[in-house]
Amino acid sequence: MTGRTPPRRRDEIVQRRAVTAVLAAAALLLTAGCSSDDGGPPGGDGSASPTGTAATSPSSSPEGSAEETPPAKGSVKVVRTVTTGLSSPWGLAPLADGDLLVSSRDEATITRVDGKTGEKTELGEVPGVSPSGEGGLLGIALSPAYASDHMIYAYFTSASDNRIVRMIYDEGKPAGEQLGAPDTVFRGIPKGEVHNGGRIAFGPDRMLYAGTGESGDTGLSQDKESLGGKILRLTPEGEPAPGNPFPDSAVYSYGHRNVQGLAWDGKQRLFAAEFGQNTWDELNAIRPGDNYGWPEAEGESDDGGFHDPVDQWSTDKASPSGIAHAEGSVWMAGLRGERLWRIPLKGTEASAAPQAFLEGEYGRLRTVAAAGGNKLWLVTSNTDGRGNPKEGDDRILELEVS
């Protein structure tokens, strides 16, 4: 024995190694193609063309034709009232253990609600908030690394602007003192008595998305240099996210009036709810770099340069704020409309007529959030100065939907 492999055996080993290498390379390419952790926009409909505009419209997206369509009619059942006695609730962030964090717009506080008993514990007040009109402490979101960094992100109105901060939540400290000093990650969003936007959410790509308003200055929406009337996409540190459609800009889409709802479907496509002025409220499928028309267009338009909504509603039937995706549909909370809308989807198009639930039963509805499976959390908004509070308002409800 010389310790050498016979020639025929050696050739077989080389061939097997070559095949293994090819298969490994193919698997690596497949993984890279399917992953959105590289910081790029999530999903097939989230890719921008080299020019920074959408390569194709969502309505022509091929995957829509192959997707399962939800039933034309759905249902909503109020399982229970989780808690009552909330003051001007706005943002909602579910915790992994089933508890909920809720922000108070006017009191600038964040409260933890026990998901089983409804017991409320105030974490603390967020310093620097200047509540006025529609401004104050608005949306909140948990860091993508919350399990290790315990960071809560918040969008709020200050004395000079709307901004996004993050704070450490220390459960070991006494109630009322559990929020660390806010670290400002993004500032300079226009503020006003109205149209402050305010919804924030981390997407499937672990980037931070924020819906902003034009603060009453309609000219800001079409100005790509302005942060007003936009959807922004940021890194967790507040920098323009990699892959954004405009160089060195946080702007992801523009031509919006007042975005207060953000949600992704199971294929990582982004949808947004938007307040209209006097005619049409909108649910939009968001494509990076697209122009959604305001103030030149409200609702559907004959102008091919504007992205038409998935659906639209008269303002007295909607005035939408939060949205969530569950059971193949987008669920949209209506303030002035005092109802919860179900919009069944096939791809990025409505597959059937919208359906309204809970009309007038709980007053103004501010925020809706996915609770897993066929469950939703729903937050009322009757203590915001525009509603008619009843005993127990405001409240969080648990829903079963189909």
Protein backbone atom coordinates (compact mmCIF):
# COMPACT_ATOMS: atom_id res chain seq x y z
CA MET A 1 0.00 0.00 0.00
CA THR A 2 1.37 3.38 -1.04
CA GLY A 3 -1.43 5.53 0.47
CA ARG A 4 -2.40 6.88 -2.96
CA THR A 5 -5.97 6.74 -4.34
CA PRO A 6 -6.28 4.65 -7.52
CA PRO A 7 -6.77 6.83 -10.66
CA ARG A 8 -10.33 5.66 -11.39
CA ARG A 9 -11.38 6.20 -7.76
CA ARG A 10 -9.67 9.61 -7.74
CA ASP A 11 -11.62 10.67 -10.84
CA GLU A 12 -14.91 9.66 -9.20
CA ILE A 13 -14.09 11.73 -6.11
CA VAL A 14 -13.19 14.76 -8.22
CA GLN A 15 -16.46 14.47 -10.14
CA ARG A 16 -18.51 14.18 -6.95
CA ARG A 17 -16.75 17.20 -5.46
CA ALA A 18 -17.44 19.21 -8.62
CA VAL A 19 -21.13 18.33 -8.51
CA THR A 20 -21.29 19.17 -4.79
CA ALA A 21 -19.65 22.54 -5.43
CA VAL A 22 -22.13 23.37 -8.21
CA LEU A 23 -25.10 22.42 -6.03
CA ALA A 24 -23.75 24.47 -3.11
CA ALA A 25 -23.24 27.50 -5.34
CA ALA A 26 -26.77 27.16 -6.73
CA ALA A 27 -28.21 26.93 -3.22
CA LEU A 28 -26.27 30.00 -2.17
CA LEU A 29 -27.56 31.98 -5.14
CA LEU A 30 -31.12 30.84 -4.44
CA THR A 31 -30.83 31.88 -0.80
CA ALA A 32 -29.41 35.26 -1.74
CA GLY A 33 -32.19 35.80 -4.26
CA CYS A 34 -34.90 35.01 -1.74
CA SER A 35 -33.49 36.97 1.17
CA SER A 36 -34.38 40.57 1.96
CA ASP A 37 -31.93 40.82 4.84
CA ASP A 38 -29.43 42.59 2.58
CA GLY A 39 -31.26 45.83 3.23
CA GLY A 40 -33.07 45.90 -0.10
CA PRO A 41 -36.82 46.48 -0.28
CA PRO A 42 -38.77 43.29 0.53
CA GLY A 43 -40.65 41.17 -1.96
CA GLY A 44 -40.87 41.06 -5.73
CA ASP A 45 -42.97 44.22 -5.76
CA GLY A 46 -40.38 45.98 -3.64
CA SER A 47 -37.65 46.19 -6.26
CA ALA A 48 -36.83 49.53 -7.79
CA SER A 49 -35.57 50.00 -11.32
CA PRO A 50 -32.09 51.50 -11.86
CA THR A 51 -33.72 54.86 -12.58
CA GLY A 52 -35.37 54.92 -9.16
CA THR A 53 -38.89 54.41 -10.46
CA ALA A 54 -41.07 51.33 -10.29
CA ALA A 55 -40.22 48.95 -13.11
CA THR A 56 -43.80 47.69 -13.36
CA SER A 57 -47.04 48.59 -11.65
CA PRO A 58 -48.31 46.27 -8.90
CA SER A 59 -51.53 45.70 -10.82
CA SER A 60 -49.50 44.00 -13.56
CA SER A 61 -47.50 41.89 -11.11
CA PRO A 62 -47.51 38.28 -12.40
CA GLU A 63 -47.67 36.66 -8.96
CA GLY A 64 -51.14 38.10 -8.37
CA SER A 65 -52.65 35.72 -10.93
CA ALA A 66 -51.30 32.64 -9.14
CA GLU A 67 -52.35 33.55 -5.61
CA GLU A 68 -55.21 32.10 -3.62
CA THR A 69 -58.10 34.53 -3.40
CA PRO A 70 -59.92 34.97 -0.07
CA PRO A 71 -63.71 34.65 0.02
CA ALA A 72 -65.63 37.66 -1.25
CA LYS A 73 -67.41 37.94 2.11
CA GLY A 74 -65.78 37.76 5.51
CA SER A 75 -66.76 38.02 9.15
CA VAL A 76 -65.78 39.80 12.35
CA LYS A 77 -66.42 38.59 15.90
CA VAL A 78 -65.52 40.67 18.96
CA VAL A 79 -64.02 38.05 21.26
CA ARG A 80 -63.53 40.34 24.26
CA THR A 81 -62.64 43.78 25.51
CA VAL A 82 -58.99 43.57 26.53
CA THR A 83 -58.87 46.84 28.49
CA THR A 84 -60.74 50.10 28.98
CA GLY A 85 -60.05 53.60 30.26
CA LEU A 86 -57.29 54.59 27.81
CA SER A 87 -56.72 58.29 27.07
CA SER A 88 -56.15 59.33 23.42
CA PRO A 89 -54.53 56.00 22.44
CA TRP A 90 -52.70 56.06 19.12
CA GLY A 91 -49.86 53.57 18.56
CA LEU A 92 -49.88 49.88 19.45
CA ALA A 93 -46.97 47.43 19.73
CA PRO A 94 -47.70 43.79 20.67
CA LEU A 95 -45.09 42.04 22.84
CA ALA A 96 -44.03 38.44 22.40
CA ASP A 97 -45.72 37.36 25.66
CA GLY A 98 -49.13 38.64 24.52
CA ASP A 99 -49.04 41.97 26.37
CA LEU A 100 -49.52 45.24 24.48
CA LEU A 101 -47.78 48.60 24.53
CA VAL A 102 -49.99 51.57 23.70
CA SER A 103 -49.07 55.23 23.30
CA SER A 104 -51.18 58.19 24.43
CA ARG A 105 -51.09 61.03 21.93
CA ASP A 106 -52.02 63.80 24.36
CA GLU A 107 -50.42 62.52 27.58
CA ALA A 108 -47.19 61.48 25.81
CA THR A 109 -47.06 58.24 27.83
CA ILE A 110 -46.57 54.60 26.93
CA THR A 111 -48.59 52.03 28.85
CA ARG A 112 -48.27 48.27 29.06
CA VAL A 113 -51.54 46.35 28.96
CA ASP A 114 -51.64 42.81 30.30
CA GLY A 115 -53.01 40.75 27.41
CA LYS A 116 -54.96 38.45 29.74
CA THR A 117 -56.22 40.65 32.57
CA GLY A 118 -56.21 44.09 30.91
CA GLU A 119 -54.25 45.54 33.83
CA LYS A 120 -52.41 48.73 32.84
CA THR A 121 -48.89 49.74 33.90
CA GLU A 122 -47.46 53.07 32.80
CA LEU A 123 -43.89 52.77 31.56
CA GLY A 124 -43.31 56.51 31.66
CA GLU A 125 -43.69 59.79 29.81
CA VAL A 126 -41.69 60.47 26.65
CA PRO A 127 -39.85 63.79 27.07
CA GLY A 128 -39.87 66.35 24.27
CA VAL A 129 -43.40 65.67 23.04
CA SER A 130 -45.47 68.78 22.28
CA PRO A 131 -49.09 67.66 21.83
CA SER A 132 -51.29 70.01 19.80
CA GLY A 133 -54.12 69.37 17.36
CA GLU A 134 -53.43 66.07 15.63
CA GLY A 135 -49.83 66.02 16.87
CA GLY A 136 -48.33 64.40 19.93
CA LEU A 137 -46.99 60.95 20.74
CA LEU A 138 -48.13 58.91 17.75
CA GLY A 139 -46.86 55.58 16.41
CA ILE A 140 -44.64 53.14 18.31
CA ALA A 141 -42.75 50.05 17.17
CA LEU A 142 -40.41 47.48 18.68
CA SER A 143 -36.84 47.17 17.47
CA PRO A 144 -36.23 44.15 15.20
CA ALA A 145 -33.71 43.09 17.87
CA TYR A 146 -36.05 43.85 20.76
CA ALA A 147 -35.35 40.55 22.52
CA SER A 148 -31.77 41.68 23.09
CA ASP A 149 -31.79 45.50 22.93
CA HIS A 150 -35.25 46.24 24.50
CA MET A 151 -35.64 49.31 22.28
CA ILE A 152 -38.99 51.02 21.66
CA TYR A 153 -39.19 53.40 18.69
CA ALA A 154 -41.66 56.29 18.76
CA TYR A 155 -42.79 58.95 16.28
CA PHE A 156 -43.80 62.21 17.93
CA THR A 157 -44.44 65.90 17.44
CA SER A 158 -41.91 68.16 19.14
CA ALA A 159 -41.93 71.95 19.45
CA SER A 160 -40.19 72.24 16.07
CA ASP A 161 -40.86 69.12 13.98
CA ASN A 162 -42.02 65.53 13.87
CA ARG A 163 -39.24 63.09 14.71
CA ILE A 164 -38.46 59.47 15.50
CA VAL A 165 -36.69 58.43 18.70
CA ARG A 166 -35.80 55.17 20.39
CA MET A 167 -35.74 54.38 24.10
CA ILE A 168 -34.64 51.44 26.22
CA TYR A 169 -37.49 49.81 28.12
CA ASP A 170 -36.22 48.57 31.49
CA GLU A 171 -38.88 46.41 33.14
CA GLY A 172 -36.79 46.17 36.29
CA LYS A 173 -37.36 49.81 37.22
CA PRO A 174 -40.44 51.14 39.04
CA ALA A 175 -43.59 51.86 37.04
CA GLY A 176 -43.43 55.31 35.49
CA GLU A 177 -39.61 55.22 35.33
CA GLN A 178 -39.05 52.37 32.89
CA LEU A 179 -38.27 54.40 29.76
CA GLY A 180 -34.70 55.47 29.13
CA ALA A 181 -33.75 58.85 27.69
CA PRO A 182 -34.87 59.14 24.06
CA ASP A 183 -32.20 58.91 21.39
CA THR A 184 -33.29 60.85 18.29
CA VAL A 185 -32.66 58.76 15.18
CA PHE A 186 -34.47 60.96 12.64
CA ARG A 187 -35.73 64.54 12.73
CA GLY A 188 -37.00 67.32 10.46
CA ILE A 189 -40.36 65.91 9.37
CA PRO A 190 -42.75 68.88 8.91
CA LYS A 191 -45.29 69.39 11.71
CA GLY A 192 -48.66 71.09 11.81
CA GLU A 193 -51.95 71.23 13.66
CA VAL A 194 -53.12 68.63 11.14
CA HIS A 195 -51.62 65.97 8.86
CA ASN A 196 -48.67 64.80 10.91
CA GLY A 197 -48.76 61.22 9.66
CA GLY A 198 -47.20 59.22 12.49
CA ARG A 199 -47.39 55.51 11.78
CA ILE A 200 -44.09 53.64 12.01
CA ALA A 201 -43.34 49.95 11.45
CA PHE A 202 -40.39 47.69 10.82
CA GLY A 203 -40.76 45.82 7.56
CA PRO A 204 -39.81 42.25 6.63
CA ASP A 205 -36.42 43.69 5.58
CA ARG A 206 -35.86 44.97 9.15
CA MET A 207 -35.90 48.56 7.91
CA LEU A 208 -37.98 51.28 9.58
CA TYR A 209 -40.89 52.69 7.55
CA ALA A 210 -42.71 55.92 8.50
CA GLY A 211 -45.83 57.49 7.09
CA THR A 212 -45.75 61.30 7.10
CA GLY A 213 -48.26 64.06 6.34
CA GLU A 214 -47.88 67.29 4.43
CA SER A 215 -48.81 69.26 7.59
CA GLY A 216 -51.39 71.28 5.66
CA ASP A 217 -48.88 72.51 3.07
CA THR A 218 -50.00 70.61 -0.04
CA GLY A 219 -46.93 71.61 -2.04
CA LEU A 220 -44.68 69.42 0.10
CA SER A 221 -46.16 66.16 -1.19
CA GLN A 222 -44.74 66.52 -4.71
CA ASP A 223 -41.40 67.92 -3.50
CA LYS A 224 -38.99 64.99 -3.32
CA GLU A 225 -36.64 67.09 -1.20
CA SER A 226 -39.29 67.48 1.51
CA LEU A 227 -40.07 64.79 4.10
CA GLY A 228 -43.74 65.79 4.21
CA GLY A 229 -46.42 63.74 2.43
CA LYS A 230 -44.16 60.71 2.04
CA ILE A 231 -43.45 57.17 3.10
CA LEU A 232 -39.90 57.05 4.44
CA ARG A 233 -37.61 54.02 4.64
CA LEU A 234 -34.74 54.14 7.14
CA THR A 235 -32.18 51.92 8.76
CA PRO A 236 -32.74 51.33 12.50
CA GLU A 237 -30.10 54.03 13.07
CA GLY A 238 -32.10 56.56 11.04
CA GLU A 239 -30.07 56.65 7.82
CA PRO A 240 -31.61 56.36 4.34
CA ALA A 241 -32.01 52.62 3.82
CA PRO A 242 -29.95 50.78 1.19
CA GLY A 243 -31.91 50.27 -2.02
CA ASN A 244 -34.11 53.35 -1.65
CA PRO A 245 -35.30 54.71 -5.01
CA PHE A 246 -33.71 58.17 -4.73
CA PRO A 247 -29.98 58.54 -4.00
CA ASP A 248 -29.09 59.44 -0.41
CA SER A 249 -32.77 60.03 0.41
CA ALA A 250 -35.08 58.50 2.99
CA VAL A 251 -38.04 59.00 0.62
CA TYR A 252 -39.58 55.70 -0.49
CA SER A 253 -42.77 57.01 -2.14
CA TYR A 254 -44.30 60.46 -2.51
CA GLY A 255 -47.44 62.36 -3.49
CA HIS A 256 -49.22 61.41 -0.25
CA ARG A 257 -51.52 63.61 1.82
CA ASN A 258 -51.49 61.98 5.26
CA VAL A 259 -50.35 58.37 5.69
CA GLN A 260 -51.37 56.70 8.96
CA GLY A 261 -51.57 53.01 8.06
CA LEU A 262 -48.76 50.62 7.06
CA ALA A 263 -48.94 46.84 6.66
CA TRP A 264 -47.34 44.02 4.66
CA ASP A 265 -49.01 40.97 3.18
CA GLY A 266 -47.59 37.44 3.24
CA LYS A 267 -45.47 38.15 0.16
CA GLN A 268 -43.84 41.19 1.77
CA ARG A 269 -45.79 43.76 -0.27
CA LEU A 270 -46.46 47.05 1.45
CA PHE A 271 -49.89 48.67 1.70
CA ALA A 272 -50.73 52.10 3.12
CA ALA A 273 -53.90 53.91 4.17
CA GLU A 274 -54.22 57.59 3.40
CA PHE A 275 -56.60 60.38 4.37
CA GLY A 276 -58.21 62.21 1.47
CA GLN A 277 -59.40 65.80 1.69
CA ASN A 278 -63.06 66.14 0.76
CA THR A 279 -63.66 63.35 -1.73
CA TRP A 280 -61.66 60.13 -1.52
CA ASP A 281 -59.72 58.25 1.13
CA GLU A 282 -57.35 55.62 -0.24
CA LEU A 283 -55.79 52.23 0.30
CA ASN A 284 -52.58 52.08 -1.75
CA ALA A 285 -50.17 49.35 -2.79
CA ILE A 286 -46.77 50.96 -2.35
CA ARG A 287 -44.00 50.73 -4.94
CA PRO A 288 -40.65 52.41 -4.35
CA GLY A 289 -40.29 55.69 -6.18
CA ASP A 290 -43.94 55.93 -7.24
CA ASN A 291 -45.99 59.13 -7.15
CA TYR A 292 -49.42 58.77 -5.50
CA GLY A 293 -50.77 62.03 -6.89
CA TRP A 294 -51.60 64.43 -4.07
CA PRO A 295 -52.51 67.28 -4.46
CA GLU A 296 -53.02 66.91 -8.23
CA ALA A 297 -55.05 63.73 -7.75
CA GLU A 298 -57.33 62.52 -4.97
CA GLY A 299 -58.41 58.94 -5.53
CA GLU A 300 -58.28 57.45 -9.02
CA SER A 301 -56.84 59.61 -11.78
CA ASP A 302 -56.61 59.65 -15.56
CA ASP A 303 -52.99 60.78 -15.26
CA GLY A 304 -50.77 57.79 -16.03
CA GLY A 305 -47.96 59.35 -14.00
CA PHE A 306 -49.83 58.76 -10.74
CA HIS A 307 -50.29 55.43 -8.98
CA ASP A 308 -54.01 54.71 -8.52
CA PRO A 309 -55.29 53.30 -5.22
CA VAL A 310 -56.29 49.70 -4.63
CA ASP A 311 -59.64 51.09 -3.52
CA GLN A 312 -61.17 54.37 -2.38
CA TRP A 313 -63.91 55.57 -0.03
CA SER A 314 -65.79 58.78 0.59
CA THR A 315 -64.29 60.49 3.62
CA ASP A 316 -67.45 60.14 5.73
CA LYS A 317 -67.23 56.35 5.40
CA ALA A 318 -63.57 55.93 6.25
CA SER A 319 -61.02 58.59 7.25
CA PRO A 320 -58.59 55.68 7.72
CA SER A 321 -55.81 55.38 10.24
CA GLY A 322 -54.26 51.98 11.07
CA ILE A 323 -54.32 48.90 8.86
CA ALA A 324 -53.34 45.24 9.28
CA HIS A 325 -53.15 42.21 7.01
CA ALA A 326 -54.81 38.94 8.03
CA GLU A 327 -56.65 36.07 6.33
CA GLY A 328 -55.87 37.35 2.84
CA SER A 329 -57.36 40.79 3.43
CA VAL A 330 -56.33 44.24 4.56
CA TRP A 331 -58.31 45.43 7.57
CA MET A 332 -58.62 49.22 7.79
CA ALA A 333 -59.75 51.20 10.85
CA GLY A 334 -62.01 54.18 10.13
CA LEU A 335 -62.15 57.28 12.33
CA ARG A 336 -64.92 59.44 10.94
CA GLY A 337 -66.42 56.34 9.32
CA GLU A 338 -66.57 54.54 12.70
CA ARG A 339 -66.19 51.13 11.07
CA LEU A 340 -63.67 48.44 10.25
CA TRP A 341 -63.21 47.80 6.54
CA ARG A 342 -62.22 44.43 5.04
CA ILE A 343 -60.53 44.62 1.64
CA PRO A 344 -59.94 41.12 0.19
CA LEU A 345 -56.89 40.96 -2.05
CA LYS A 346 -55.55 39.03 -4.98
CA GLY A 347 -51.99 40.21 -5.32
CA THR A 348 -52.13 43.99 -5.08
CA GLU A 349 -55.67 44.33 -6.37
CA ALA A 350 -58.98 44.14 -4.53
CA SER A 351 -60.58 40.78 -5.33
CA ALA A 352 -64.07 41.80 -4.21
CA ALA A 353 -65.94 44.83 -2.93
CA PRO A 354 -64.85 46.13 0.51
CA GLN A 355 -67.01 45.05 3.42
CA ALA A 356 -67.75 47.16 6.53
CA PHE A 357 -68.04 45.82 10.10
CA LEU A 358 -68.77 47.24 13.55
CA GLU A 359 -70.34 50.32 11.99
CA GLY A 360 -71.04 52.82 14.78
CA GLU A 361 -70.74 50.17 17.51
CA TYR A 362 -67.51 51.38 19.08
CA GLY A 363 -67.19 54.89 17.68
CA ARG A 364 -63.97 56.07 16.07
CA LEU A 365 -61.42 53.35 15.30
CA ARG A 366 -57.75 54.36 15.33
CA THR A 367 -55.42 51.37 15.17
CA VAL A 368 -55.68 47.76 14.06
CA ALA A 369 -52.83 45.28 14.44
CA ALA A 370 -52.32 41.63 13.56
CA ALA A 371 -52.47 39.31 16.57
CA GLY A 372 -51.52 36.10 14.77
CA GLY A 373 -53.67 33.78 12.65
CA ASN A 374 -57.23 35.05 12.40
CA LYS A 375 -56.91 37.45 15.34
CA LEU A 376 -56.65 41.25 15.37
CA TRP A 377 -56.23 43.94 18.02
CA LEU A 378 -58.44 47.00 17.53
CA VAL A 379 -58.03 50.34 19.35
CA THR A 380 -60.83 52.91 19.58
CA SER A 381 -60.26 56.68 19.45
CA ASN A 382 -63.13 58.50 21.12
CA THR A 383 -61.09 60.55 23.61
CA ASP A 384 -59.06 62.36 20.93
CA GLY A 385 -61.25 65.49 21.01
CA ARG A 386 -63.30 64.53 17.96
CA GLY A 387 -65.29 61.60 19.30
CA ASN A 388 -68.15 61.14 21.73
CA PRO A 389 -66.66 59.08 24.57
CA LYS A 390 -68.80 56.48 26.27
CA GLU A 391 -68.19 54.89 29.64
CA GLY A 392 -65.04 52.79 29.36
CA ASP A 393 -63.53 54.62 26.40
CA ASP A 394 -61.04 54.26 25.02
CA ARG A 395 -60.60 50.52 24.75
CA ILE A 396 -58.71 47.70 23.04
CA LEU A 397 -60.72 44.86 21.52
CA GLU A 398 -59.69 41.38 20.45
CA LEU A 399 -61.26 40.24 17.18
CA GLU A 400 -61.61 37.01 15.25
CA VAL A 401 -61.85 37.62 11.51
CA SER A 402 -62.25 35.71 8.29
